Amino acid sequence: MHDTHAIMLPHTQSILLLHGFGGHQVQTALLARRLRDAGFIVANIGYPSWRWPLPRVIDHLHVRIIASPAYHATTVHCVGHSMGGLMLRAWLARHRPDHLGRVVMLGTPNGGSEIADLLYRLHLHPLILNQAGALLRTRRDAITLTALGEVDYSLGIIAGDRPMNGLLPSRIFRAPNDGKVSVAATHCPGESDHVTLPVAHTAMIYSRPVAEQVVHFLRHGHFART
């Protein structure tokens, strides 16, 4: 279902920016500032990632998004870190705007997180993941998969392969990872481009090279290759 919008800001491009699980807008403030410096209107939007089921979170997000001036730009791009990318997928599946531009995901566990699987095996998921568990684990139920929808828009994905502390990830992962999500799990059917950078999962939102790659994809539809 597409939304209508009566008032548009002429010749402008904006970004809806979402943080990850357990995050806050403060964490994505530096990235938001760099994106604004690049000429975009940025809405750095928070949401309750832990206590509400996915449909309620999407309803909450939608109200905040359409109330933002950024939503009324000529073109609206989306950028999500980690679980924020999954929230964007679910929001776009229900409320994709006609003026959608491009989407970038940073370390998003499109295939699920091995860390979440470990918490399920240890029976710690109700305490740590709560309502987000079904979204973050690798084995998702049919309802969750349907809610994420299909990617038929321009999507660029940035993965990291330099965990800050390599000891624990080396015992959990059997492949390159950012400490919380494997590079392989960041891939998504329908993606337009994918790049792996030497950053850790949380550190990527503070990384200037990551911000530069985000801007490059939003402007050109592909990442910069050196």
N, C-alpha and C. Protein backbone atom coordinates (compact mmCIF):
# COMPACT_ATOMS: atom_id res chain seq x y z
N MET A 1 0.85 -1.20 0.00
CA MET A 1 0.00 0.00 0.00
C MET A 1 0.88 1.24 0.00
N HIS A 2 0.64 2.17 -0.92
CA HIS A 2 1.45 3.37 -1.03
C HIS A 2 0.73 4.52 -0.33
N ASP A 3 1.53 5.41 0.26
CA ASP A 3 0.98 6.56 0.95
C ASP A 3 0.89 7.75 0.00
N THR A 4 -0.05 8.60 0.25
CA THR A 4 -0.15 9.84 -0.50
C THR A 4 0.37 10.97 0.36
N HIS A 5 0.80 12.04 -0.26
CA HIS A 5 1.37 13.17 0.47
C HIS A 5 1.04 14.43 -0.32
N ALA A 6 0.34 15.34 0.31
CA ALA A 6 -0.16 16.51 -0.40
C ALA A 6 0.90 17.61 -0.51
N ILE A 7 1.76 17.74 0.47
CA ILE A 7 2.73 18.83 0.49
C ILE A 7 4.12 18.24 0.30
N MET A 8 4.81 18.69 -0.75
CA MET A 8 6.15 18.21 -1.03
C MET A 8 7.14 19.34 -0.92
N LEU A 9 8.35 19.03 -0.44
CA LEU A 9 9.43 20.00 -0.44
C LEU A 9 10.14 19.87 -1.78
N PRO A 10 10.10 20.89 -2.64
CA PRO A 10 10.60 20.75 -4.01
C PRO A 10 12.10 20.53 -4.10
N HIS A 11 12.48 19.60 -4.99
CA HIS A 11 13.89 19.36 -5.33
C HIS A 11 14.74 19.04 -4.10
N THR A 12 14.22 18.24 -3.22
CA THR A 12 14.96 17.88 -2.02
C THR A 12 15.04 16.36 -1.91
N GLN A 13 16.09 15.91 -1.22
CA GLN A 13 16.26 14.50 -0.94
C GLN A 13 16.45 14.33 0.57
N SER A 14 15.78 13.37 1.12
CA SER A 14 15.86 13.16 2.56
C SER A 14 16.22 11.71 2.87
N ILE A 15 16.54 11.48 4.13
CA ILE A 15 16.89 10.14 4.60
C ILE A 15 16.14 9.86 5.89
N LEU A 16 15.49 8.70 5.94
CA LEU A 16 14.94 8.18 7.19
C LEU A 16 15.99 7.26 7.78
N LEU A 17 16.52 7.59 8.95
CA LEU A 17 17.62 6.87 9.56
C LEU A 17 17.14 6.15 10.82
N LEU A 18 17.34 4.83 10.87
CA LEU A 18 16.91 4.02 12.02
C LEU A 18 18.11 3.34 12.67
N HIS A 19 18.14 3.38 14.00
CA HIS A 19 19.18 2.69 14.77
C HIS A 19 18.87 1.20 14.88
N GLY A 20 19.75 0.47 15.54
CA GLY A 20 19.58 -0.97 15.67
C GLY A 20 18.94 -1.39 16.97
N PHE A 21 18.99 -2.69 17.25
CA PHE A 21 18.36 -3.27 18.45
C PHE A 21 18.96 -2.67 19.71
N GLY A 22 18.08 -2.24 20.61
CA GLY A 22 18.52 -1.67 21.88
C GLY A 22 19.19 -0.33 21.74
N GLY A 23 19.08 0.28 20.56
CA GLY A 23 19.78 1.53 20.30
C GLY A 23 18.95 2.76 20.61
N HIS A 24 19.53 3.91 20.25
CA HIS A 24 18.90 5.20 20.51
C HIS A 24 19.39 6.17 19.44
N GLN A 25 18.62 7.22 19.21
CA GLN A 25 19.02 8.20 18.20
C GLN A 25 20.37 8.84 18.49
N VAL A 26 20.76 8.87 19.77
CA VAL A 26 22.05 9.44 20.12
C VAL A 26 23.18 8.68 19.41
N GLN A 27 23.01 7.37 19.29
CA GLN A 27 24.06 6.55 18.67
C GLN A 27 24.22 6.85 17.18
N THR A 28 23.15 7.21 16.53
CA THR A 28 23.21 7.48 15.09
C THR A 28 23.30 8.98 14.79
N ALA A 29 23.52 9.79 15.82
CA ALA A 29 23.57 11.24 15.64
C ALA A 29 24.76 11.66 14.77
N LEU A 30 25.92 11.04 14.96
CA LEU A 30 27.09 11.39 14.16
C LEU A 30 26.86 11.04 12.69
N LEU A 31 26.31 9.87 12.43
CA LEU A 31 26.01 9.48 11.06
C LEU A 31 24.98 10.44 10.46
N ALA A 32 23.98 10.81 11.25
CA ALA A 32 22.97 11.75 10.76
C ALA A 32 23.61 13.08 10.38
N ARG A 33 24.55 13.55 11.20
CA ARG A 33 25.22 14.82 10.91
C ARG A 33 26.02 14.73 9.61
N ARG A 34 26.73 13.64 9.42
CA ARG A 34 27.50 13.47 8.19
C ARG A 34 26.61 13.41 6.96
N LEU A 35 25.46 12.80 7.09
CA LEU A 35 24.53 12.73 5.96
C LEU A 35 23.92 14.10 5.68
N ARG A 36 23.67 14.87 6.73
CA ARG A 36 23.19 16.24 6.53
C ARG A 36 24.26 17.09 5.85
N ASP A 37 25.51 16.90 6.27
CA ASP A 37 26.61 17.64 5.65
C ASP A 37 26.73 17.32 4.16
N ALA A 38 26.27 16.14 3.78
CA ALA A 38 26.30 15.75 2.37
C ALA A 38 25.13 16.31 1.57
N GLY A 39 24.23 17.02 2.26
CA GLY A 39 23.15 17.69 1.56
C GLY A 39 21.77 17.08 1.71
N PHE A 40 21.63 16.08 2.55
CA PHE A 40 20.34 15.43 2.74
C PHE A 40 19.60 15.99 3.96
N ILE A 41 18.29 16.04 3.88
CA ILE A 41 17.47 16.25 5.06
C ILE A 41 17.39 14.91 5.78
N VAL A 42 17.67 14.87 7.06
CA VAL A 42 17.74 13.60 7.78
C VAL A 42 16.77 13.57 8.95
N ALA A 43 15.97 12.53 9.01
CA ALA A 43 15.13 12.26 10.17
C ALA A 43 15.73 11.07 10.91
N ASN A 44 16.34 11.34 12.05
CA ASN A 44 16.95 10.31 12.89
C ASN A 44 15.90 9.82 13.86
N ILE A 45 15.29 8.69 13.55
CA ILE A 45 14.06 8.27 14.23
C ILE A 45 14.32 7.11 15.19
N GLY A 46 13.80 7.25 16.39
CA GLY A 46 13.91 6.17 17.37
C GLY A 46 12.66 5.31 17.40
N TYR A 47 12.80 4.13 17.95
CA TYR A 47 11.66 3.23 18.06
C TYR A 47 11.94 2.22 19.18
N PRO A 48 10.91 1.65 19.79
CA PRO A 48 11.11 0.64 20.84
C PRO A 48 11.43 -0.71 20.21
N SER A 49 12.66 -1.14 20.31
CA SER A 49 13.10 -2.34 19.59
C SER A 49 12.95 -3.62 20.39
N TRP A 50 12.56 -3.53 21.65
CA TRP A 50 12.65 -4.68 22.54
C TRP A 50 11.29 -5.15 23.06
N ARG A 51 10.42 -4.21 23.42
CA ARG A 51 9.25 -4.59 24.22
C ARG A 51 7.97 -4.82 23.42
N TRP A 52 7.93 -4.39 22.15
CA TRP A 52 6.70 -4.50 21.37
C TRP A 52 6.85 -5.50 20.24
N PRO A 53 5.76 -6.18 19.86
CA PRO A 53 5.81 -7.04 18.67
C PRO A 53 5.96 -6.19 17.41
N LEU A 54 6.43 -6.81 16.34
CA LEU A 54 6.76 -6.10 15.11
C LEU A 54 5.61 -5.24 14.56
N PRO A 55 4.38 -5.74 14.44
CA PRO A 55 3.32 -4.90 13.87
C PRO A 55 3.11 -3.60 14.65
N ARG A 56 3.20 -3.67 15.97
CA ARG A 56 3.01 -2.46 16.77
C ARG A 56 4.17 -1.48 16.58
N VAL A 57 5.39 -2.02 16.46
CA VAL A 57 6.54 -1.14 16.22
C VAL A 57 6.39 -0.42 14.88
N ILE A 58 5.95 -1.15 13.85
CA ILE A 58 5.78 -0.55 12.53
C ILE A 58 4.70 0.53 12.56
N ASP A 59 3.62 0.30 13.29
CA ASP A 59 2.59 1.33 13.43
C ASP A 59 3.17 2.58 14.08
N HIS A 60 3.95 2.37 15.13
CA HIS A 60 4.59 3.48 15.84
C HIS A 60 5.54 4.24 14.92
N LEU A 61 6.34 3.49 14.18
CA LEU A 61 7.29 4.10 13.26
C LEU A 61 6.59 4.91 12.18
N HIS A 62 5.52 4.36 11.65
CA HIS A 62 4.82 5.02 10.56
C HIS A 62 4.28 6.39 10.99
N VAL A 63 3.74 6.45 12.18
CA VAL A 63 3.24 7.73 12.69
C VAL A 63 4.37 8.75 12.79
N ARG A 64 5.52 8.30 13.27
CA ARG A 64 6.66 9.22 13.41
C ARG A 64 7.23 9.62 12.06
N ILE A 65 7.25 8.69 11.14
CA ILE A 65 7.83 8.97 9.82
C ILE A 65 7.00 9.98 9.05
N ILE A 66 5.69 9.76 8.97
CA ILE A 66 4.87 10.67 8.16
C ILE A 66 4.71 12.03 8.82
N ALA A 67 5.01 12.13 10.11
CA ALA A 67 4.96 13.43 10.79
C ALA A 67 6.25 14.22 10.59
N SER A 68 7.27 13.58 10.05
CA SER A 68 8.56 14.23 9.88
C SER A 68 8.60 15.05 8.58
N PRO A 69 9.20 16.24 8.61
CA PRO A 69 9.38 17.01 7.37
C PRO A 69 10.16 16.24 6.32
N ALA A 70 11.04 15.35 6.76
CA ALA A 70 11.85 14.57 5.82
C ALA A 70 10.98 13.72 4.90
N TYR A 71 9.85 13.29 5.39
CA TYR A 71 8.96 12.44 4.59
C TYR A 71 8.41 13.17 3.38
N HIS A 72 8.38 14.49 3.45
CA HIS A 72 7.76 15.29 2.39
C HIS A 72 8.79 15.87 1.42
N ALA A 73 9.98 15.32 1.42
CA ALA A 73 10.96 15.69 0.40
C ALA A 73 10.56 15.09 -0.94
N THR A 74 11.19 15.55 -1.99
CA THR A 74 10.88 15.02 -3.31
C THR A 74 11.20 13.53 -3.40
N THR A 75 12.35 13.16 -2.82
CA THR A 75 12.77 11.77 -2.80
C THR A 75 13.15 11.39 -1.37
N VAL A 76 12.64 10.27 -0.91
CA VAL A 76 12.92 9.80 0.44
C VAL A 76 13.75 8.52 0.37
N HIS A 77 14.97 8.59 0.89
CA HIS A 77 15.84 7.43 1.02
C HIS A 77 15.71 6.86 2.43
N CYS A 78 16.20 5.65 2.62
CA CYS A 78 16.17 5.01 3.93
C CYS A 78 17.52 4.40 4.25
N VAL A 79 17.95 4.56 5.50
CA VAL A 79 19.20 3.96 5.98
C VAL A 79 18.92 3.32 7.34
N GLY A 80 19.27 2.05 7.48
CA GLY A 80 19.03 1.36 8.74
C GLY A 80 20.26 0.61 9.20
N HIS A 81 20.59 0.77 10.48
CA HIS A 81 21.70 0.01 11.06
C HIS A 81 21.16 -1.23 11.74
N SER A 82 21.74 -2.38 11.44
CA SER A 82 21.41 -3.64 12.10
C SER A 82 19.90 -3.91 12.01
N MET A 83 19.24 -4.08 13.15
CA MET A 83 17.81 -4.37 13.17
C MET A 83 17.00 -3.25 12.51
N GLY A 84 17.56 -2.04 12.48
CA GLY A 84 16.87 -0.94 11.81
C GLY A 84 16.62 -1.23 10.35
N GLY A 85 17.51 -1.98 9.71
CA GLY A 85 17.29 -2.37 8.33
C GLY A 85 16.10 -3.30 8.18
N LEU A 86 15.92 -4.20 9.13
CA LEU A 86 14.77 -5.09 9.11
C LEU A 86 13.48 -4.31 9.33
N MET A 87 13.54 -3.31 10.21
CA MET A 87 12.37 -2.46 10.43
C MET A 87 12.00 -1.71 9.17
N LEU A 88 13.01 -1.27 8.44
CA LEU A 88 12.73 -0.59 7.17
C LEU A 88 12.07 -1.54 6.18
N ARG A 89 12.56 -2.78 6.11
CA ARG A 89 11.94 -3.75 5.22
C ARG A 89 10.46 -3.94 5.57
N ALA A 90 10.16 -4.08 6.85
CA ALA A 90 8.79 -4.30 7.27
C ALA A 90 7.93 -3.06 7.03
N TRP A 91 8.50 -1.89 7.27
CA TRP A 91 7.75 -0.65 7.02
C TRP A 91 7.47 -0.47 5.53
N LEU A 92 8.47 -0.73 4.70
CA LEU A 92 8.29 -0.59 3.26
C LEU A 92 7.29 -1.61 2.71
N ALA A 93 7.24 -2.79 3.33
CA ALA A 93 6.30 -3.80 2.89
C ALA A 93 4.85 -3.34 3.10
N ARG A 94 4.63 -2.50 4.10
CA ARG A 94 3.28 -2.04 4.41
C ARG A 94 2.98 -0.62 3.95
N HIS A 95 4.01 0.23 3.95
CA HIS A 95 3.76 1.66 3.73
C HIS A 95 4.72 2.28 2.71
N ARG A 96 5.19 1.51 1.76
CA ARG A 96 6.16 2.05 0.80
C ARG A 96 5.63 3.30 0.10
N PRO A 97 6.34 4.41 0.22
CA PRO A 97 5.87 5.65 -0.43
C PRO A 97 6.17 5.67 -1.92
N ASP A 98 5.38 6.39 -2.65
CA ASP A 98 5.60 6.51 -4.10
C ASP A 98 6.91 7.20 -4.42
N HIS A 99 7.37 8.05 -3.51
CA HIS A 99 8.59 8.82 -3.76
C HIS A 99 9.82 8.20 -3.08
N LEU A 100 9.79 6.87 -2.89
CA LEU A 100 10.94 6.18 -2.31
C LEU A 100 12.13 6.27 -3.25
N GLY A 101 13.29 6.56 -2.67
CA GLY A 101 14.52 6.57 -3.43
C GLY A 101 15.27 5.26 -3.27
N ARG A 102 16.41 5.29 -2.59
CA ARG A 102 17.21 4.10 -2.39
C ARG A 102 17.30 3.76 -0.90
N VAL A 103 17.71 2.53 -0.63
CA VAL A 103 17.79 2.02 0.74
C VAL A 103 19.18 1.47 0.99
N VAL A 104 19.75 1.78 2.16
CA VAL A 104 21.04 1.23 2.55
C VAL A 104 20.90 0.58 3.92
N MET A 105 21.45 -0.62 4.04
CA MET A 105 21.47 -1.33 5.32
C MET A 105 22.90 -1.51 5.79
N LEU A 106 23.12 -1.30 7.08
CA LEU A 106 24.44 -1.41 7.68
C LEU A 106 24.46 -2.57 8.68
N GLY A 107 25.13 -3.64 8.31
CA GLY A 107 25.23 -4.78 9.21
C GLY A 107 23.89 -5.41 9.56
N THR A 108 22.92 -5.28 8.69
CA THR A 108 21.59 -5.81 8.97
C THR A 108 21.56 -7.34 8.82
N PRO A 109 21.05 -8.05 9.82
CA PRO A 109 21.00 -9.51 9.74
C PRO A 109 19.81 -9.99 8.91
N ASN A 110 19.89 -9.77 7.60
CA ASN A 110 18.79 -10.19 6.74
C ASN A 110 18.55 -11.69 6.80
N GLY A 111 19.61 -12.44 7.02
CA GLY A 111 19.48 -13.88 7.18
C GLY A 111 19.41 -14.32 8.63
N GLY A 112 19.30 -13.36 9.54
CA GLY A 112 19.27 -13.66 10.97
C GLY A 112 20.65 -13.60 11.59
N SER A 113 20.67 -13.50 12.90
CA SER A 113 21.93 -13.37 13.63
C SER A 113 22.28 -14.65 14.37
N GLU A 114 23.51 -15.08 14.21
CA GLU A 114 23.99 -16.26 14.93
C GLU A 114 24.03 -16.01 16.44
N ILE A 115 24.22 -14.76 16.83
CA ILE A 115 24.19 -14.43 18.25
C ILE A 115 22.79 -14.67 18.82
N ALA A 116 21.77 -14.30 18.06
CA ALA A 116 20.40 -14.55 18.50
C ALA A 116 20.14 -16.04 18.64
N ASP A 117 20.66 -16.82 17.70
CA ASP A 117 20.50 -18.28 17.78
C ASP A 117 21.13 -18.83 19.05
N LEU A 118 22.30 -18.29 19.41
CA LEU A 118 22.97 -18.73 20.64
C LEU A 118 22.12 -18.42 21.86
N LEU A 119 21.52 -17.25 21.89
CA LEU A 119 20.66 -16.89 23.02
C LEU A 119 19.45 -17.81 23.11
N TYR A 120 18.93 -18.25 21.97
CA TYR A 120 17.83 -19.21 21.99
C TYR A 120 18.30 -20.54 22.56
N ARG A 121 19.49 -20.98 22.16
CA ARG A 121 20.00 -22.27 22.67
C ARG A 121 20.23 -22.22 24.17
N LEU A 122 20.61 -21.05 24.67
CA LEU A 122 20.86 -20.88 26.10
C LEU A 122 19.59 -20.51 26.86
N HIS A 123 18.48 -20.41 26.16
CA HIS A 123 17.18 -20.04 26.74
C HIS A 123 17.22 -18.66 27.40
N LEU A 124 18.02 -17.77 26.83
CA LEU A 124 18.14 -16.41 27.34
C LEU A 124 17.38 -15.41 26.48
N HIS A 125 16.78 -15.88 25.40
CA HIS A 125 16.12 -14.96 24.47
C HIS A 125 14.96 -14.17 25.08
N PRO A 126 14.14 -14.76 25.99
CA PRO A 126 13.06 -13.94 26.55
C PRO A 126 13.59 -12.74 27.34
N LEU A 127 14.70 -12.94 28.02
CA LEU A 127 15.26 -11.88 28.85
C LEU A 127 15.98 -10.82 28.02
N ILE A 128 16.76 -11.26 27.04
CA ILE A 128 17.62 -10.34 26.30
C ILE A 128 16.94 -9.81 25.03
N LEU A 129 16.29 -10.68 24.28
CA LEU A 129 15.70 -10.26 23.01
C LEU A 129 14.23 -9.89 23.11
N ASN A 130 13.53 -10.51 24.03
CA ASN A 130 12.10 -10.27 24.22
C ASN A 130 11.36 -10.38 22.88
N GLN A 131 10.59 -9.36 22.49
CA GLN A 131 9.76 -9.44 21.29
C GLN A 131 10.58 -9.45 20.00
N ALA A 132 11.84 -9.04 20.07
CA ALA A 132 12.66 -8.97 18.86
C ALA A 132 13.24 -10.32 18.46
N GLY A 133 13.10 -11.32 19.31
CA GLY A 133 13.71 -12.61 19.04
C GLY A 133 13.28 -13.23 17.72
N ALA A 134 12.00 -13.20 17.43
CA ALA A 134 11.49 -13.82 16.20
C ALA A 134 12.05 -13.15 14.96
N LEU A 135 12.38 -11.88 15.08
CA LEU A 135 12.91 -11.12 13.94
C LEU A 135 14.40 -11.35 13.76
N LEU A 136 15.13 -11.55 14.86
CA LEU A 136 16.58 -11.59 14.81
C LEU A 136 17.16 -12.99 14.62
N ARG A 137 16.42 -14.03 14.94
CA ARG A 137 16.97 -15.37 14.81
C ARG A 137 17.03 -15.79 13.34
N THR A 138 17.83 -16.81 13.06
CA THR A 138 17.99 -17.24 11.66
C THR A 138 16.79 -18.05 11.17
N ARG A 139 16.12 -18.75 12.07
CA ARG A 139 14.94 -19.53 11.69
C ARG A 139 13.69 -18.73 12.03
N ARG A 140 13.21 -17.99 11.05
CA ARG A 140 12.05 -17.13 11.26
C ARG A 140 10.77 -17.86 10.89
N ASP A 141 9.70 -17.52 11.59
CA ASP A 141 8.41 -18.12 11.27
C ASP A 141 7.82 -17.44 10.03
N ALA A 142 6.79 -18.06 9.49
CA ALA A 142 6.20 -17.59 8.24
C ALA A 142 5.62 -16.18 8.37
N ILE A 143 5.04 -15.87 9.52
CA ILE A 143 4.45 -14.55 9.72
C ILE A 143 5.52 -13.46 9.66
N THR A 144 6.65 -13.73 10.31
CA THR A 144 7.75 -12.76 10.32
C THR A 144 8.32 -12.58 8.91
N LEU A 145 8.51 -13.67 8.20
CA LEU A 145 9.04 -13.59 6.84
C LEU A 145 8.10 -12.79 5.93
N THR A 146 6.81 -13.01 6.08
CA THR A 146 5.84 -12.28 5.27
C THR A 146 5.89 -10.79 5.60
N ALA A 147 6.05 -10.47 6.89
CA ALA A 147 6.08 -9.07 7.32
C ALA A 147 7.28 -8.32 6.72
N LEU A 148 8.38 -9.03 6.49
CA LEU A 148 9.57 -8.39 5.92
C LEU A 148 9.41 -8.08 4.44
N GLY A 149 8.54 -8.78 3.77
CA GLY A 149 8.26 -8.51 2.38
C GLY A 149 9.41 -8.86 1.44
N GLU A 150 9.22 -8.55 0.18
CA GLU A 150 10.23 -8.79 -0.84
C GLU A 150 10.91 -7.47 -1.20
N VAL A 151 12.18 -7.55 -1.48
CA VAL A 151 12.94 -6.36 -1.87
C VAL A 151 12.85 -6.17 -3.38
N ASP A 152 12.10 -5.17 -3.80
CA ASP A 152 12.00 -4.84 -5.22
C ASP A 152 12.32 -3.36 -5.41
N TYR A 153 13.19 -2.84 -4.55
CA TYR A 153 13.66 -1.46 -4.63
C TYR A 153 15.19 -1.49 -4.61
N SER A 154 15.79 -0.36 -4.87
CA SER A 154 17.25 -0.26 -4.92
C SER A 154 17.83 -0.37 -3.51
N LEU A 155 18.54 -1.46 -3.26
CA LEU A 155 19.06 -1.75 -1.92
C LEU A 155 20.56 -2.00 -1.95
N GLY A 156 21.28 -1.24 -1.15
CA GLY A 156 22.71 -1.44 -0.97
C GLY A 156 22.99 -1.89 0.45
N ILE A 157 23.88 -2.86 0.60
CA ILE A 157 24.17 -3.42 1.92
C ILE A 157 25.66 -3.29 2.22
N ILE A 158 25.96 -2.77 3.42
CA ILE A 158 27.33 -2.67 3.90
C ILE A 158 27.51 -3.65 5.05
N ALA A 159 28.47 -4.54 4.90
CA ALA A 159 28.80 -5.51 5.96
C ALA A 159 30.16 -5.18 6.55
N GLY A 160 30.40 -5.65 7.75
CA GLY A 160 31.70 -5.48 8.39
C GLY A 160 32.35 -6.83 8.64
N ASP A 161 33.68 -6.85 8.66
CA ASP A 161 34.37 -8.12 8.92
C ASP A 161 35.53 -7.97 9.91
N ARG A 162 35.43 -6.95 10.82
CA ARG A 162 36.47 -6.73 11.81
C ARG A 162 35.85 -6.61 13.20
N PRO A 163 35.51 -7.73 13.84
CA PRO A 163 34.95 -7.65 15.19
C PRO A 163 35.94 -7.00 16.15
N MET A 164 35.43 -6.21 17.07
CA MET A 164 36.30 -5.49 18.01
C MET A 164 37.01 -6.45 18.94
N ASN A 165 36.31 -7.51 19.36
CA ASN A 165 36.92 -8.54 20.19
C ASN A 165 36.74 -9.86 19.46
N GLY A 166 37.82 -10.40 18.93
CA GLY A 166 37.71 -11.56 18.06
C GLY A 166 37.56 -12.89 18.76
N LEU A 167 37.72 -12.91 20.10
CA LEU A 167 37.70 -14.19 20.82
C LEU A 167 36.32 -14.83 20.80
N LEU A 168 35.31 -14.11 21.26
CA LEU A 168 33.96 -14.67 21.30
C LEU A 168 33.42 -14.96 19.91
N PRO A 169 33.50 -14.00 18.96
CA PRO A 169 33.00 -14.31 17.61
C PRO A 169 33.66 -15.52 16.98
N SER A 170 34.95 -15.74 17.28
CA SER A 170 35.64 -16.88 16.67
C SER A 170 35.07 -18.20 17.16
N ARG A 171 34.43 -18.19 18.33
CA ARG A 171 33.82 -19.40 18.87
C ARG A 171 32.39 -19.59 18.39
N ILE A 172 31.79 -18.54 17.87
CA ILE A 172 30.40 -18.60 17.41
C ILE A 172 30.30 -18.70 15.90
N PHE A 173 31.11 -17.88 15.22
CA PHE A 173 31.04 -17.81 13.76
C PHE A 173 32.10 -18.71 13.13
N ARG A 174 31.77 -19.22 11.96
CA ARG A 174 32.71 -20.02 11.17
C ARG A 174 33.09 -19.31 9.89
N ALA A 175 32.80 -18.01 9.81
CA ALA A 175 33.02 -17.26 8.59
C ALA A 175 33.23 -15.80 8.97
N PRO A 176 33.65 -14.95 8.03
CA PRO A 176 33.84 -13.53 8.33
C PRO A 176 32.60 -12.90 8.94
N ASN A 177 32.81 -12.02 9.90
CA ASN A 177 31.70 -11.42 10.64
C ASN A 177 32.14 -10.09 11.25
N ASP A 178 31.15 -9.35 11.76
CA ASP A 178 31.45 -8.06 12.39
C ASP A 178 31.38 -8.13 13.91
N GLY A 179 31.28 -9.36 14.44
CA GLY A 179 31.17 -9.55 15.88
C GLY A 179 29.77 -9.89 16.32
N LYS A 180 28.77 -9.54 15.51
CA LYS A 180 27.39 -9.84 15.84
C LYS A 180 26.63 -10.48 14.68
N VAL A 181 27.05 -10.17 13.46
CA VAL A 181 26.38 -10.69 12.27
C VAL A 181 27.43 -11.14 11.27
N SER A 182 27.24 -12.31 10.69
CA SER A 182 28.19 -12.76 9.67
C SER A 182 27.97 -11.98 8.38
N VAL A 183 29.02 -11.86 7.60
CA VAL A 183 28.91 -11.18 6.31
C VAL A 183 27.86 -11.86 5.45
N ALA A 184 27.85 -13.19 5.46
CA ALA A 184 26.89 -13.94 4.65
C ALA A 184 25.45 -13.61 5.03
N ALA A 185 25.19 -13.40 6.34
CA ALA A 185 23.83 -13.14 6.80
C ALA A 185 23.33 -11.75 6.44
N THR A 186 24.23 -10.85 6.04
CA THR A 186 23.78 -9.52 5.66
C THR A 186 23.16 -9.49 4.26
N HIS A 187 23.48 -10.49 3.44
CA HIS A 187 22.93 -10.51 2.08
C HIS A 187 21.40 -10.66 2.11
N CYS A 188 20.77 -10.10 1.08
CA CYS A 188 19.31 -10.15 1.00
C CYS A 188 18.91 -10.37 -0.45
N PRO A 189 18.01 -11.31 -0.72
CA PRO A 189 17.52 -11.49 -2.09
C PRO A 189 16.96 -10.18 -2.64
N GLY A 190 17.39 -9.81 -3.82
CA GLY A 190 16.93 -8.58 -4.43
C GLY A 190 17.87 -7.40 -4.24
N GLU A 191 18.94 -7.59 -3.48
CA GLU A 191 19.88 -6.50 -3.24
C GLU A 191 20.51 -6.01 -4.55
N SER A 192 20.83 -4.73 -4.61
CA SER A 192 21.44 -4.14 -5.80
C SER A 192 22.96 -4.15 -5.75
N ASP A 193 23.52 -3.97 -4.55
CA ASP A 193 24.97 -3.97 -4.39
C ASP A 193 25.29 -4.33 -2.94
N HIS A 194 26.51 -4.84 -2.75
CA HIS A 194 26.95 -5.28 -1.42
C HIS A 194 28.44 -5.02 -1.33
N VAL A 195 28.87 -4.48 -0.19
CA VAL A 195 30.28 -4.22 0.02
C VAL A 195 30.64 -4.58 1.46
N THR A 196 31.85 -5.10 1.65
CA THR A 196 32.33 -5.44 2.99
C THR A 196 33.48 -4.51 3.35
N LEU A 197 33.39 -3.88 4.51
CA LEU A 197 34.40 -2.95 4.98
C LEU A 197 35.02 -3.45 6.28
N PRO A 198 36.25 -3.05 6.59
CA PRO A 198 36.93 -3.50 7.81
C PRO A 198 36.45 -2.74 9.05
N VAL A 199 35.21 -3.00 9.45
CA VAL A 199 34.63 -2.34 10.61
C VAL A 199 33.86 -3.36 11.44
N ALA A 200 33.66 -3.04 12.72
CA ALA A 200 32.87 -3.87 13.61
C ALA A 200 31.40 -3.44 13.55
N HIS A 201 30.54 -4.26 14.10
CA HIS A 201 29.10 -4.05 13.98
C HIS A 201 28.65 -2.69 14.50
N THR A 202 28.99 -2.37 15.73
CA THR A 202 28.57 -1.10 16.31
C THR A 202 29.39 0.06 15.77
N ALA A 203 30.68 -0.19 15.53
CA ALA A 203 31.57 0.88 15.09
C ALA A 203 31.21 1.43 13.72
N MET A 204 30.50 0.66 12.91
CA MET A 204 30.25 1.12 11.54
C MET A 204 29.41 2.39 11.49
N ILE A 205 28.57 2.65 12.47
CA ILE A 205 27.76 3.87 12.43
C ILE A 205 28.59 5.11 12.78
N TYR A 206 29.81 4.90 13.30
CA TYR A 206 30.69 6.02 13.61
C TYR A 206 31.80 6.18 12.57
N SER A 207 31.83 5.32 11.59
CA SER A 207 32.91 5.29 10.61
C SER A 207 32.66 6.26 9.47
N ARG A 208 33.63 7.12 9.19
CA ARG A 208 33.50 8.04 8.06
C ARG A 208 33.46 7.30 6.72
N PRO A 209 34.33 6.29 6.49
CA PRO A 209 34.23 5.55 5.22
C PRO A 209 32.87 4.91 5.00
N VAL A 210 32.24 4.44 6.07
CA VAL A 210 30.89 3.88 5.93
C VAL A 210 29.91 4.96 5.49
N ALA A 211 29.98 6.12 6.14
CA ALA A 211 29.09 7.23 5.78
C ALA A 211 29.30 7.64 4.32
N GLU A 212 30.57 7.65 3.89
CA GLU A 212 30.86 8.02 2.50
C GLU A 212 30.29 7.00 1.52
N GLN A 213 30.32 5.73 1.90
CA GLN A 213 29.74 4.70 1.03
C GLN A 213 28.21 4.82 0.99
N VAL A 214 27.62 5.17 2.11
CA VAL A 214 26.16 5.39 2.14
C VAL A 214 25.78 6.49 1.16
N VAL A 215 26.48 7.61 1.25
CA VAL A 215 26.20 8.74 0.38
C VAL A 215 26.40 8.36 -1.09
N HIS A 216 27.46 7.63 -1.37
CA HIS A 216 27.76 7.23 -2.75
C HIS A 216 26.63 6.36 -3.31
N PHE A 217 26.14 5.41 -2.52
CA PHE A 217 25.07 4.55 -3.02
C PHE A 217 23.78 5.34 -3.23
N LEU A 218 23.47 6.24 -2.29
CA LEU A 218 22.23 7.00 -2.43
C LEU A 218 22.28 7.90 -3.66
N ARG A 219 23.44 8.36 -4.03
CA ARG A 219 23.57 9.23 -5.19
C ARG A 219 23.67 8.47 -6.51
N HIS A 220 24.32 7.30 -6.48
CA HIS A 220 24.66 6.63 -7.74
C HIS A 220 24.02 5.24 -7.90
N GLY A 221 23.50 4.66 -6.83
CA GLY A 221 22.89 3.34 -6.94
C GLY A 221 23.88 2.20 -6.84
N HIS A 222 25.12 2.50 -6.51
CA HIS A 222 26.14 1.47 -6.30
C HIS A 222 27.21 2.03 -5.38
N PHE A 223 27.99 1.14 -4.77
CA PHE A 223 29.05 1.59 -3.88
C PHE A 223 30.31 1.94 -4.65
N ALA A 224 31.17 2.72 -4.01
CA ALA A 224 32.43 3.10 -4.63
C ALA A 224 33.41 1.96 -4.49
N ARG A 225 34.12 1.67 -5.56
CA ARG A 225 35.14 0.62 -5.55
C ARG A 225 36.49 1.27 -5.78
N THR A 226 37.48 0.91 -4.95
CA THR A 226 38.84 1.46 -5.10
C THR A 226 39.80 0.34 -5.40
